[in-house]
Amino acid sequence: LTPPSITVSSTASTETQITITLALNEAGTLWCRAVRKEFPAPQIAEILETGFRATFSAGTVPVVITAYNSEGEMLQLGTDYDVYCYATDDLCAGCSFTTGS
C-alpha cells in the first residue's frame, strides 16, 4: 500500500477560521492543523488531535480550522500560520463486512 497524495486546491481565511480545500488521489481522510509561522512542524499525532478533518471520496473537500490546538485556543487575529495536513487512505472503500458465525 502507498499513502495517498494530497493536492491543495485552494486556501481561504477569515478572522476566525482557515479553510483548506484539498483532494487526494484515492479515497481517504484528511486532517489539518494550523501552527504559528516559524514554529516547529507538528508530529502526526499533534495534527490528528485537533480533530479538524474531512472524508474524501472524489472531487475536493474543505477542512475548516477554527482553533490553534486541541484545547480549543482560538486562532489569533494578525498572526501568521502555516497549515500542515496528513492523510490516510480508506483500505476498503465500498466494502461490506458480515459478522457472526
Protein backbone atom coordinates (compact mmCIF):
# COMPACT_ATOMS: atom_id res chain seq x y z
CA LEU A 1 0.00 0.00 0.00
CA THR A 2 1.09 3.53 -0.68
CA PRO A 3 -0.04 6.62 1.20
CA PRO A 4 -2.41 8.99 -0.58
CA SER A 5 -1.07 12.08 -2.33
CA ILE A 6 -2.50 15.41 -1.16
CA THR A 7 -3.24 18.25 -3.60
CA VAL A 8 -4.16 21.69 -2.28
CA SER A 9 -6.89 23.20 -4.43
CA SER A 10 -7.38 26.49 -2.57
CA THR A 11 -6.96 28.30 0.73
CA ALA A 12 -9.06 30.99 2.37
CA SER A 13 -9.09 32.66 5.76
CA THR A 14 -11.24 34.94 7.85
CA GLU A 15 -10.72 36.42 11.31
CA THR A 16 -11.89 33.16 12.91
CA GLN A 17 -11.02 30.30 10.56
CA ILE A 18 -8.74 28.90 7.89
CA THR A 19 -10.23 26.76 5.14
CA ILE A 20 -8.02 24.47 3.08
CA THR A 21 -9.66 22.77 0.10
CA LEU A 22 -7.89 19.54 -0.77
CA ALA A 23 -8.04 16.45 -2.94
CA LEU A 24 -6.49 13.01 -2.64
CA ASN A 25 -5.55 10.53 -5.35
CA GLU A 26 -7.70 7.90 -3.61
CA ALA A 27 -10.49 7.68 -1.02
CA GLY A 28 -9.33 8.64 2.45
CA THR A 29 -9.46 11.02 5.39
CA LEU A 30 -7.60 14.33 5.68
CA TRP A 31 -6.60 16.11 8.89
CA CYS A 32 -5.10 19.60 9.09
CA ARG A 33 -3.67 21.79 11.82
CA ALA A 34 -2.60 25.43 11.93
CA VAL A 35 0.78 26.20 13.52
CA ARG A 36 2.09 29.68 14.17
CA LYS A 37 4.51 30.67 11.42
CA GLU A 38 8.12 29.71 12.13
CA PHE A 39 7.10 27.31 14.95
CA PRO A 40 8.22 23.67 14.61
CA ALA A 41 6.18 21.41 12.34
CA PRO A 42 3.77 19.24 14.30
CA GLN A 43 4.08 15.48 14.68
CA ILE A 44 1.33 13.38 13.08
CA ALA A 45 -0.33 12.81 16.47
CA GLU A 46 -0.47 16.59 17.01
CA ILE A 47 -2.23 17.06 13.65
CA LEU A 48 -4.75 14.32 14.45
CA GLU A 49 -5.53 15.52 17.99
CA THR A 50 -7.15 18.77 16.87
CA GLY A 51 -9.91 16.87 15.06
CA PHE A 52 -10.07 19.18 12.03
CA ARG A 53 -10.72 16.57 9.35
CA ALA A 54 -12.76 15.67 6.31
CA THR A 55 -13.53 12.45 4.47
CA PHE A 56 -12.60 12.42 0.80
CA SER A 57 -14.12 10.25 -1.92
CA ALA A 58 -13.95 12.39 -5.08
CA GLY A 59 -13.55 15.99 -6.25
CA THR A 60 -12.32 18.29 -3.49
CA VAL A 61 -13.19 18.63 0.17
CA PRO A 62 -12.70 21.54 2.61
CA VAL A 63 -11.04 21.20 6.01
CA VAL A 64 -12.05 24.12 8.24
CA ILE A 65 -9.66 25.04 11.07
CA THR A 66 -11.13 27.20 13.83
CA ALA A 67 -8.67 26.69 16.68
CA TYR A 68 -4.93 26.56 17.18
CA ASN A 69 -4.78 23.44 19.36
CA SER A 70 -6.82 20.56 20.77
CA GLU A 71 -7.73 22.64 23.84
CA GLY A 72 -9.69 24.97 21.55
CA GLU A 73 -7.39 28.03 21.71
CA MET A 74 -8.86 30.26 19.01
CA LEU A 75 -6.83 31.46 16.05
CA GLN A 76 -5.30 34.87 16.77
CA LEU A 77 -6.15 37.83 14.55
CA GLY A 78 -2.98 39.27 12.98
CA THR A 79 -1.00 36.05 13.48
CA ASP A 80 0.52 34.22 10.51
CA TYR A 81 0.01 30.46 10.41
CA ASP A 82 1.39 27.55 8.44
CA VAL A 83 -1.04 24.69 7.87
CA TYR A 84 0.07 21.07 7.97
CA CYS A 85 -2.10 18.23 6.68
CA TYR A 86 -1.97 14.47 6.96
CA ALA A 87 -3.99 11.85 5.08
CA THR A 88 -4.81 8.19 5.43
CA ASP A 89 -6.34 6.01 2.77
CA ASP A 90 -9.53 4.01 3.18
CA LEU A 91 -8.30 0.46 2.94
CA CYS A 92 -11.64 -0.90 1.87
CA ALA A 93 -13.75 1.86 0.31
CA GLY A 94 -17.18 0.49 -0.54
CA CYS A 95 -16.62 -2.88 1.14
CA SER A 96 -19.22 -4.51 3.32
CA PHE A 97 -18.44 -6.91 6.12
CA THR A 98 -20.53 -9.63 7.69
CA THR A 99 -20.19 -10.51 11.33
CA GLY A 100 -21.16 -13.54 13.35
CA SER A 101 -20.57 -17.21 12.86
